Amino acid sequence: MAETSSGPGRILVTVYAIFAVAACSRSAVQIATEFDHARLAYLLSAFAAVVYVVATVALTRRGPRWHRVAVAACATELAGVLAVGTASVLDQGAFPDQAVWSTYGSGYLFIPVVLPVLGLLWLRRTRAAMA
């Protein structure tokens, strides 16, 4: 597997780690202080946080099992951001406050919609390097 300790792999892991911390922090504060205001959005942010943590850890590990976990995390992230993004555009009333993946991650400069694509491309490249 190509290294994630330098180059593009290191950048990818760093961005995932930043998003893991940001999503965990944001969702924890929102759930603790305003949960009744936007339950769905805050729970989806918490789910996104878990996905980012799993992806971060999996991207730093070696071996076929961790590779599969990383692919699953990135694919889940992509499906989630597309589903939540579309739902938040179609039914804005269901999202009185933003989730990490609302409107395709617009609150985070649309990085949430681009990041899993880059992650999956990186994992494809590293799978080829393993073979």
C-alpha atoms as a PDB file:
ATOM      1  CA  MET A   1       0.000   0.000   0.000  1.00  0.00           C
ATOM      2  CA  ALA A   2       1.284   3.462  -0.797  1.00  0.00           C
ATOM      3  CA  GLU A   3       2.316   5.402   2.251  1.00  0.00           C
ATOM      4  CA  THR A   4       0.023   7.857   3.977  1.00  0.00           C
ATOM      5  CA  SER A   5       2.956   9.236   5.954  1.00  0.00           C
ATOM      6  CA  SER A   6       4.053  11.533   3.141  1.00  0.00           C
ATOM      7  CA  GLY A   7       2.787  13.311   0.038  1.00  0.00           C
ATOM      8  CA  PRO A   8      -0.853  13.198  -1.041  1.00  0.00           C
ATOM      9  CA  GLY A   9      -1.673  10.425   1.421  1.00  0.00           C
ATOM     10  CA  ARG A  10      -0.560  12.557   4.344  1.00  0.00           C
ATOM     11  CA  ILE A  11      -2.673  15.484   3.122  1.00  0.00           C
ATOM     12  CA  LEU A  12      -5.694  13.199   2.734  1.00  0.00           C
ATOM     13  CA  VAL A  13      -5.319  11.788   6.251  1.00  0.00           C
ATOM     14  CA  THR A  14      -4.797  15.284   7.680  1.00  0.00           C
ATOM     15  CA  VAL A  15      -7.980  16.609   6.074  1.00  0.00           C
ATOM     16  CA  TYR A  16      -9.923  13.575   7.295  1.00  0.00           C
ATOM     17  CA  ALA A  17      -8.555  14.104  10.813  1.00  0.00           C
ATOM     18  CA  ILE A  18      -9.541  17.773  10.744  1.00  0.00           C
ATOM     19  CA  PHE A  19     -13.045  16.849   9.636  1.00  0.00           C
ATOM     20  CA  ALA A  20     -13.250  14.161  12.316  1.00  0.00           C
ATOM     21  CA  VAL A  21     -12.402  16.685  15.040  1.00  0.00           C
ATOM     22  CA  ALA A  22     -14.659  19.380  13.560  1.00  0.00           C
ATOM     23  CA  ALA A  23     -17.666  17.084  13.108  1.00  0.00           C
ATOM     24  CA  CYS A  24     -17.229  15.475  16.547  1.00  0.00           C
ATOM     25  CA  SER A  25     -16.927  18.852  18.253  1.00  0.00           C
ATOM     26  CA  ARG A  26     -19.795  20.443  16.378  1.00  0.00           C
ATOM     27  CA  SER A  27     -22.208  17.572  16.849  1.00  0.00           C
ATOM     28  CA  ALA A  28     -21.330  17.126  20.537  1.00  0.00           C
ATOM     29  CA  VAL A  29     -21.996  20.796  21.275  1.00  0.00           C
ATOM     30  CA  GLN A  30     -25.185  20.854  19.206  1.00  0.00           C
ATOM     31  CA  ILE A  31     -26.564  17.673  20.768  1.00  0.00           C
ATOM     32  CA  ALA A  32     -25.664  18.841  24.279  1.00  0.00           C
ATOM     33  CA  THR A  33     -27.069  22.355  23.955  1.00  0.00           C
ATOM     34  CA  GLU A  34     -29.744  22.500  21.217  1.00  0.00           C
ATOM     35  CA  PHE A  35     -30.831  18.948  20.471  1.00  0.00           C
ATOM     36  CA  ASP A  36     -34.556  19.778  20.386  1.00  0.00           C
ATOM     37  CA  HIS A  37     -33.998  22.461  17.739  1.00  0.00           C
ATOM     38  CA  ALA A  38     -32.795  20.185  14.910  1.00  0.00           C
ATOM     39  CA  ARG A  39     -32.541  16.563  16.001  1.00  0.00           C
ATOM     40  CA  LEU A  40     -32.121  15.119  12.517  1.00  0.00           C
ATOM     41  CA  ALA A  41     -29.364  17.512  11.488  1.00  0.00           C
ATOM     42  CA  TYR A  42     -27.444  17.021  14.716  1.00  0.00           C
ATOM     43  CA  LEU A  43     -27.712  13.235  14.615  1.00  0.00           C
ATOM     44  CA  LEU A  44     -26.559  13.226  10.998  1.00  0.00           C
ATOM     45  CA  SER A  45     -23.579  15.384  12.002  1.00  0.00           C
ATOM     46  CA  ALA A  46     -22.748  12.853  14.717  1.00  0.00           C
ATOM     47  CA  PHE A  47     -22.974  10.035  12.181  1.00  0.00           C
ATOM     48  CA  ALA A  48     -20.694  11.981   9.831  1.00  0.00           C
ATOM     49  CA  ALA A  49     -18.236  12.397  12.700  1.00  0.00           C
ATOM     50  CA  VAL A  50     -18.110   8.631  13.240  1.00  0.00           C
ATOM     51  CA  VAL A  51     -17.552   8.056   9.523  1.00  0.00           C
ATOM     52  CA  TYR A  52     -14.693  10.598   9.484  1.00  0.00           C
ATOM     53  CA  VAL A  53     -13.045   8.967  12.511  1.00  0.00           C
ATOM     54  CA  VAL A  54     -13.286   5.494  10.967  1.00  0.00           C
ATOM     55  CA  ALA A  55     -11.937   6.769   7.637  1.00  0.00           C
ATOM     56  CA  THR A  56      -9.049   8.571   9.345  1.00  0.00           C
ATOM     57  CA  VAL A  57      -8.012   5.496  11.309  1.00  0.00           C
ATOM     58  CA  ALA A  58      -8.437   3.119   8.361  1.00  0.00           C
ATOM     59  CA  LEU A  59      -6.408   5.343   6.038  1.00  0.00           C
ATOM     60  CA  THR A  60      -3.467   5.244   8.456  1.00  0.00           C
ATOM     61  CA  ARG A  61      -3.424   1.443   8.726  1.00  0.00           C
ATOM     62  CA  ARG A  62      -1.941  -1.143   6.411  1.00  0.00           C
ATOM     63  CA  GLY A  63      -3.306  -4.376   5.083  1.00  0.00           C
ATOM     64  CA  PRO A  64      -6.228  -5.582   3.015  1.00  0.00           C
ATOM     65  CA  ARG A  65      -8.716  -5.501   5.899  1.00  0.00           C
ATOM     66  CA  TRP A  66      -8.002  -1.836   6.676  1.00  0.00           C
ATOM     67  CA  HIS A  67      -8.106  -1.061   2.982  1.00  0.00           C
ATOM     68  CA  ARG A  68     -11.634  -2.505   2.806  1.00  0.00           C
ATOM     69  CA  VAL A  69     -12.665  -0.548   5.912  1.00  0.00           C
ATOM     70  CA  ALA A  70     -11.320   2.662   4.356  1.00  0.00           C
ATOM     71  CA  VAL A  71     -13.181   1.993   1.106  1.00  0.00           C
ATOM     72  CA  ALA A  72     -16.386   1.305   3.039  1.00  0.00           C
ATOM     73  CA  ALA A  73     -15.971   4.493   5.083  1.00  0.00           C
ATOM     74  CA  CYS A  74     -15.319   6.654   2.007  1.00  0.00           C
ATOM     75  CA  ALA A  75     -18.217   5.052   0.110  1.00  0.00           C
ATOM     76  CA  THR A  76     -20.523   5.573   3.112  1.00  0.00           C
ATOM     77  CA  GLU A  77     -19.385   9.167   3.313  1.00  0.00           C
ATOM     78  CA  LEU A  78     -20.068   9.758  -0.386  1.00  0.00           C
ATOM     79  CA  ALA A  79     -23.507   8.131  -0.195  1.00  0.00           C
ATOM     80  CA  GLY A  80     -24.294  10.098   2.958  1.00  0.00           C
ATOM     81  CA  VAL A  81     -23.259  13.472   1.626  1.00  0.00           C
ATOM     82  CA  LEU A  82     -25.215  12.884  -1.600  1.00  0.00           C
ATOM     83  CA  ALA A  83     -28.328  11.669   0.253  1.00  0.00           C
ATOM     84  CA  VAL A  84     -28.259  14.313   2.985  1.00  0.00           C
ATOM     85  CA  GLY A  85     -27.285  17.014   0.519  1.00  0.00           C
ATOM     86  CA  THR A  86     -30.188  16.179  -1.745  1.00  0.00           C
ATOM     87  CA  ALA A  87     -32.651  15.829   1.149  1.00  0.00           C
ATOM     88  CA  SER A  88     -31.568  19.158   2.633  1.00  0.00           C
ATOM     89  CA  VAL A  89     -32.102  20.900  -0.707  1.00  0.00           C
ATOM     90  CA  LEU A  90     -35.493  19.264  -1.374  1.00  0.00           C
ATOM     91  CA  ASP A  91     -36.886  19.572   2.183  1.00  0.00           C
ATOM     92  CA  GLN A  92     -35.287  22.545   3.888  1.00  0.00           C
ATOM     93  CA  GLY A  93     -37.886  22.356   6.672  1.00  0.00           C
ATOM     94  CA  ALA A  94     -36.403  19.052   7.837  1.00  0.00           C
ATOM     95  CA  PHE A  95     -33.065  20.817   8.318  1.00  0.00           C
ATOM     96  CA  PRO A  96     -33.671  23.967  10.393  1.00  0.00           C
ATOM     97  CA  ASP A  97     -29.959  23.926  11.146  1.00  0.00           C
ATOM     98  CA  GLN A  98     -27.075  22.634   9.057  1.00  0.00           C
ATOM     99  CA  ALA A  99     -25.546  19.194   9.334  1.00  0.00           C
ATOM    100  CA  VAL A 100     -21.999  18.568   8.135  1.00  0.00           C
ATOM    101  CA  TRP A 101     -23.365  17.078   4.912  1.00  0.00           C
ATOM    102  CA  SER A 102     -26.263  19.559   4.409  1.00  0.00           C
ATOM    103  CA  THR A 103     -26.389  21.109   0.953  1.00  0.00           C
ATOM    104  CA  TYR A 104     -23.478  18.894  -0.022  1.00  0.00           C
ATOM    105  CA  GLY A 105     -21.193  20.343   2.632  1.00  0.00           C
ATOM    106  CA  SER A 106     -21.649  23.988   1.666  1.00  0.00           C
ATOM    107  CA  GLY A 107     -20.883  25.042   5.248  1.00  0.00           C
ATOM    108  CA  TYR A 108     -17.469  23.399   4.816  1.00  0.00           C
ATOM    109  CA  LEU A 109     -16.660  24.792   1.354  1.00  0.00           C
ATOM    110  CA  PHE A 110     -18.098  21.643  -0.309  1.00  0.00           C
ATOM    111  CA  ILE A 111     -15.097  19.655   0.898  1.00  0.00           C
ATOM    112  CA  PRO A 112     -17.404  16.879   2.218  1.00  0.00           C
ATOM    113  CA  VAL A 113     -18.558  16.072  -1.319  1.00  0.00           C
ATOM    114  CA  VAL A 114     -15.054  16.137  -2.797  1.00  0.00           C
ATOM    115  CA  LEU A 115     -13.181  14.384   0.014  1.00  0.00           C
ATOM    116  CA  PRO A 116     -14.683  10.891  -0.382  1.00  0.00           C
ATOM    117  CA  VAL A 117     -14.063  10.992  -4.140  1.00  0.00           C
ATOM    118  CA  LEU A 118     -10.402  11.832  -3.490  1.00  0.00           C
ATOM    119  CA  GLY A 119     -10.286   9.150  -0.800  1.00  0.00           C
ATOM    120  CA  LEU A 120     -11.685   6.492  -3.108  1.00  0.00           C
ATOM    121  CA  LEU A 121      -9.288   7.496  -5.876  1.00  0.00           C
ATOM    122  CA  TRP A 122      -6.372   7.310  -3.429  1.00  0.00           C
ATOM    123  CA  LEU A 123      -7.507   3.899  -2.216  1.00  0.00           C
ATOM    124  CA  ARG A 124      -7.794   2.665  -5.794  1.00  0.00           C
ATOM    125  CA  ARG A 125      -4.247   3.822  -6.416  1.00  0.00           C
ATOM    126  CA  THR A 126      -2.944   2.209  -3.256  1.00  0.00           C
ATOM    127  CA  ARG A 127      -4.745  -1.053  -4.039  1.00  0.00           C
ATOM    128  CA  ALA A 128      -2.911  -1.150  -7.353  1.00  0.00           C
ATOM    129  CA  ALA A 129       0.367  -0.558  -5.493  1.00  0.00           C
ATOM    130  CA  MET A 130      -0.428  -3.506  -3.166  1.00  0.00           C
ATOM    131  CA  ALA A 131      -0.893  -5.890  -6.083  1.00  0.00           C
END
